Amino acid sequence: MYSLRSWAAAVVCAVPVLASAQQPAATGTITGRVTDAGSGRPVVGAQVFVPETRQGAAVGDNGTFTIARVPNGPTTIRVQMLGYEPVTQPVTVPNNAPVTVNVLVLLCVPLRPLR
């Protein structure tokens, strides 16, 4: 038969394990819009990602993106698109809530009309 001391030790050891297993990681969502700084047009197809977690999304037809289940707290996003300068921007992700980030990107080489 088990002694009371053995049962008490088992309970004390199991409580932290059970408590940590029941607490899901706190996450939020990053949403936003990526536009060309010169024209104001959406930069369709640009890649937006969180370098620390490798989570990301492509910018849609209306210039918007959504990255779900990002760990909450301070982080950064990076925006890349062929022909544009990459942009890194700090973001603080709230727990269980979206944060909106609007990013302007610049062309690497401005395009000139053909003559």
C-alpha atoms as a PDB file:
ATOM      1  CA  MET A   1       0.000   0.000   0.000  1.00  0.00           C
ATOM      2  CA  TYR A   2       1.234   3.478  -0.807  1.00  0.00           C
ATOM      3  CA  SER A   3       1.932   5.868   2.010  1.00  0.00           C
ATOM      4  CA  LEU A   4       0.399   9.313   2.294  1.00  0.00           C
ATOM      5  CA  ARG A   5       3.849  10.794   1.691  1.00  0.00           C
ATOM      6  CA  SER A   6       4.149   8.982  -1.669  1.00  0.00           C
ATOM      7  CA  TRP A   7       0.758  10.264  -2.829  1.00  0.00           C
ATOM      8  CA  ALA A   8       1.573  13.824  -1.741  1.00  0.00           C
ATOM      9  CA  ALA A   9       4.875  13.730  -3.645  1.00  0.00           C
ATOM     10  CA  ALA A  10       3.116  12.431  -6.767  1.00  0.00           C
ATOM     11  CA  VAL A  11       0.510  15.211  -6.638  1.00  0.00           C
ATOM     12  CA  VAL A  12       3.117  17.947  -6.083  1.00  0.00           C
ATOM     13  CA  CYS A  13       5.130  16.702  -9.075  1.00  0.00           C
ATOM     14  CA  ALA A  14       2.110  16.289 -11.373  1.00  0.00           C
ATOM     15  CA  VAL A  15       0.469  19.686 -10.770  1.00  0.00           C
ATOM     16  CA  PRO A  16       3.065  21.791 -12.683  1.00  0.00           C
ATOM     17  CA  VAL A  17       2.982  19.347 -15.612  1.00  0.00           C
ATOM     18  CA  LEU A  18      -0.808  19.424 -15.819  1.00  0.00           C
ATOM     19  CA  ALA A  19      -0.935  23.206 -15.461  1.00  0.00           C
ATOM     20  CA  SER A  20       1.543  23.758 -18.297  1.00  0.00           C
ATOM     21  CA  ALA A  21      -0.251  21.271 -20.558  1.00  0.00           C
ATOM     22  CA  GLN A  22      -3.550  23.112 -20.171  1.00  0.00           C
ATOM     23  CA  GLN A  23      -2.213  26.552 -21.133  1.00  0.00           C
ATOM     24  CA  PRO A  24      -2.072  26.999 -24.908  1.00  0.00           C
ATOM     25  CA  ALA A  25       0.526  29.336 -26.345  1.00  0.00           C
ATOM     26  CA  ALA A  26      -0.731  32.917 -26.512  1.00  0.00           C
ATOM     27  CA  THR A  27      -1.081  34.008 -30.132  1.00  0.00           C
ATOM     28  CA  GLY A  28      -2.574  36.763 -32.244  1.00  0.00           C
ATOM     29  CA  THR A  29      -2.989  37.726 -35.880  1.00  0.00           C
ATOM     30  CA  ILE A  30      -1.093  40.210 -38.034  1.00  0.00           C
ATOM     31  CA  THR A  31      -3.142  41.776 -40.819  1.00  0.00           C
ATOM     32  CA  GLY A  32      -2.278  44.632 -43.094  1.00  0.00           C
ATOM     33  CA  ARG A  33      -1.842  46.148 -46.490  1.00  0.00           C
ATOM     34  CA  VAL A  34       1.266  46.515 -48.669  1.00  0.00           C
ATOM     35  CA  THR A  35       1.304  49.406 -51.132  1.00  0.00           C
ATOM     36  CA  ASP A  36       3.759  51.018 -53.526  1.00  0.00           C
ATOM     37  CA  ALA A  37       5.064  54.230 -51.935  1.00  0.00           C
ATOM     38  CA  GLY A  38       5.105  56.053 -55.275  1.00  0.00           C
ATOM     39  CA  SER A  39       1.754  55.073 -56.777  1.00  0.00           C
ATOM     40  CA  GLY A  40      -0.268  53.953 -53.760  1.00  0.00           C
ATOM     41  CA  ARG A  41      -1.231  50.772 -55.622  1.00  0.00           C
ATOM     42  CA  PRO A  42      -1.310  47.355 -53.907  1.00  0.00           C
ATOM     43  CA  VAL A  43       1.845  45.274 -54.335  1.00  0.00           C
ATOM     44  CA  VAL A  44       0.128  42.021 -55.277  1.00  0.00           C
ATOM     45  CA  GLY A  45       2.232  38.917 -54.648  1.00  0.00           C
ATOM     46  CA  ALA A  46       4.623  40.488 -52.138  1.00  0.00           C
ATOM     47  CA  GLN A  47       5.766  38.095 -49.425  1.00  0.00           C
ATOM     48  CA  VAL A  48       5.148  39.128 -45.804  1.00  0.00           C
ATOM     49  CA  PHE A  49       6.661  36.946 -43.088  1.00  0.00           C
ATOM     50  CA  VAL A  50       7.831  36.793 -39.481  1.00  0.00           C
ATOM     51  CA  PRO A  51      11.534  35.828 -39.684  1.00  0.00           C
ATOM     52  CA  GLU A  52      11.621  34.374 -36.155  1.00  0.00           C
ATOM     53  CA  THR A  53       8.854  31.840 -36.847  1.00  0.00           C
ATOM     54  CA  ARG A  54       8.959  31.572 -40.658  1.00  0.00           C
ATOM     55  CA  GLN A  55       5.202  32.182 -40.762  1.00  0.00           C
ATOM     56  CA  GLY A  56       4.039  34.239 -43.684  1.00  0.00           C
ATOM     57  CA  ALA A  57       1.526  35.117 -46.359  1.00  0.00           C
ATOM     58  CA  ALA A  58       1.348  36.472 -49.881  1.00  0.00           C
ATOM     59  CA  VAL A  59      -0.318  39.809 -50.520  1.00  0.00           C
ATOM     60  CA  GLY A  60      -3.669  39.368 -52.290  1.00  0.00           C
ATOM     61  CA  ASP A  61      -5.312  41.262 -55.148  1.00  0.00           C
ATOM     62  CA  ASN A  62      -6.507  44.073 -52.878  1.00  0.00           C
ATOM     63  CA  GLY A  63      -3.075  44.475 -51.246  1.00  0.00           C
ATOM     64  CA  THR A  64      -3.955  42.812 -47.957  1.00  0.00           C
ATOM     65  CA  PHE A  65      -2.406  39.932 -46.033  1.00  0.00           C
ATOM     66  CA  THR A  66      -3.137  37.922 -42.869  1.00  0.00           C
ATOM     67  CA  ILE A  67      -0.703  35.893 -40.776  1.00  0.00           C
ATOM     68  CA  ALA A  68      -2.513  33.870 -38.081  1.00  0.00           C
ATOM     69  CA  ARG A  69      -1.282  32.206 -34.876  1.00  0.00           C
ATOM     70  CA  VAL A  70       1.731  34.473 -34.383  1.00  0.00           C
ATOM     71  CA  PRO A  71       3.166  34.282 -30.826  1.00  0.00           C
ATOM     72  CA  ASN A  72       2.157  37.392 -28.925  1.00  0.00           C
ATOM     73  CA  GLY A  73       4.606  40.081 -27.911  1.00  0.00           C
ATOM     74  CA  PRO A  74       7.137  42.124 -29.854  1.00  0.00           C
ATOM     75  CA  THR A  75       8.326  40.739 -33.188  1.00  0.00           C
ATOM     76  CA  THR A  76       9.150  41.937 -36.692  1.00  0.00           C
ATOM     77  CA  ILE A  77       7.697  41.400 -40.130  1.00  0.00           C
ATOM     78  CA  ARG A  78       9.625  41.465 -43.385  1.00  0.00           C
ATOM     79  CA  VAL A  79       8.126  42.384 -46.747  1.00  0.00           C
ATOM     80  CA  GLN A  80       9.832  41.311 -49.977  1.00  0.00           C
ATOM     81  CA  MET A  81       8.933  41.605 -53.631  1.00  0.00           C
ATOM     82  CA  LEU A  82      11.094  41.348 -56.724  1.00  0.00           C
ATOM     83  CA  GLY A  83      11.950  44.879 -57.887  1.00  0.00           C
ATOM     84  CA  TYR A  84      11.269  46.464 -54.480  1.00  0.00           C
ATOM     85  CA  GLU A  85      13.525  47.221 -51.540  1.00  0.00           C
ATOM     86  CA  PRO A  86      12.875  44.788 -48.653  1.00  0.00           C
ATOM     87  CA  VAL A  87      11.220  46.362 -45.598  1.00  0.00           C
ATOM     88  CA  THR A  88      11.493  45.209 -41.978  1.00  0.00           C
ATOM     89  CA  GLN A  89       8.989  46.643 -39.525  1.00  0.00           C
ATOM     90  CA  PRO A  90       8.542  46.079 -35.764  1.00  0.00           C
ATOM     91  CA  VAL A  91       5.145  44.824 -34.572  1.00  0.00           C
ATOM     92  CA  THR A  92       3.667  44.025 -31.160  1.00  0.00           C
ATOM     93  CA  VAL A  93       1.174  41.164 -31.418  1.00  0.00           C
ATOM     94  CA  PRO A  94      -1.612  41.225 -28.799  1.00  0.00           C
ATOM     95  CA  ASN A  95      -3.022  38.011 -27.322  1.00  0.00           C
ATOM     96  CA  ASN A  96      -6.043  36.621 -29.216  1.00  0.00           C
ATOM     97  CA  ALA A  97      -6.478  39.808 -31.231  1.00  0.00           C
ATOM     98  CA  PRO A  98      -5.441  41.181 -34.610  1.00  0.00           C
ATOM     99  CA  VAL A  99      -2.932  43.960 -35.123  1.00  0.00           C
ATOM    100  CA  THR A 100      -2.960  45.941 -38.379  1.00  0.00           C
ATOM    101  CA  VAL A 101       0.288  46.916 -40.086  1.00  0.00           C
ATOM    102  CA  ASN A 102       0.340  49.003 -43.257  1.00  0.00           C
ATOM    103  CA  VAL A 103       3.623  48.884 -45.174  1.00  0.00           C
ATOM    104  CA  LEU A 104       4.899  51.135 -47.963  1.00  0.00           C
ATOM    105  CA  VAL A 105       7.546  49.678 -50.268  1.00  0.00           C
ATOM    106  CA  LEU A 106       9.869  51.504 -52.682  1.00  0.00           C
ATOM    107  CA  LEU A 107      10.934  50.384 -56.133  1.00  0.00           C
ATOM    108  CA  CYS A 108      14.643  49.571 -56.299  1.00  0.00           C
ATOM    109  CA  VAL A 109      15.022  51.298 -59.642  1.00  0.00           C
ATOM    110  CA  PRO A 110      12.297  53.754 -60.657  1.00  0.00           C
ATOM    111  CA  LEU A 111      10.798  52.863 -64.023  1.00  0.00           C
ATOM    112  CA  ARG A 112      10.948  55.511 -66.762  1.00  0.00           C
ATOM    113  CA  PRO A 113       8.638  55.691 -69.747  1.00  0.00           C
ATOM    114  CA  LEU A 114      10.046  54.430 -73.039  1.00  0.00           C
ATOM    115  CA  ARG A 115      10.664  57.089 -75.696  1.00  0.00           C
END
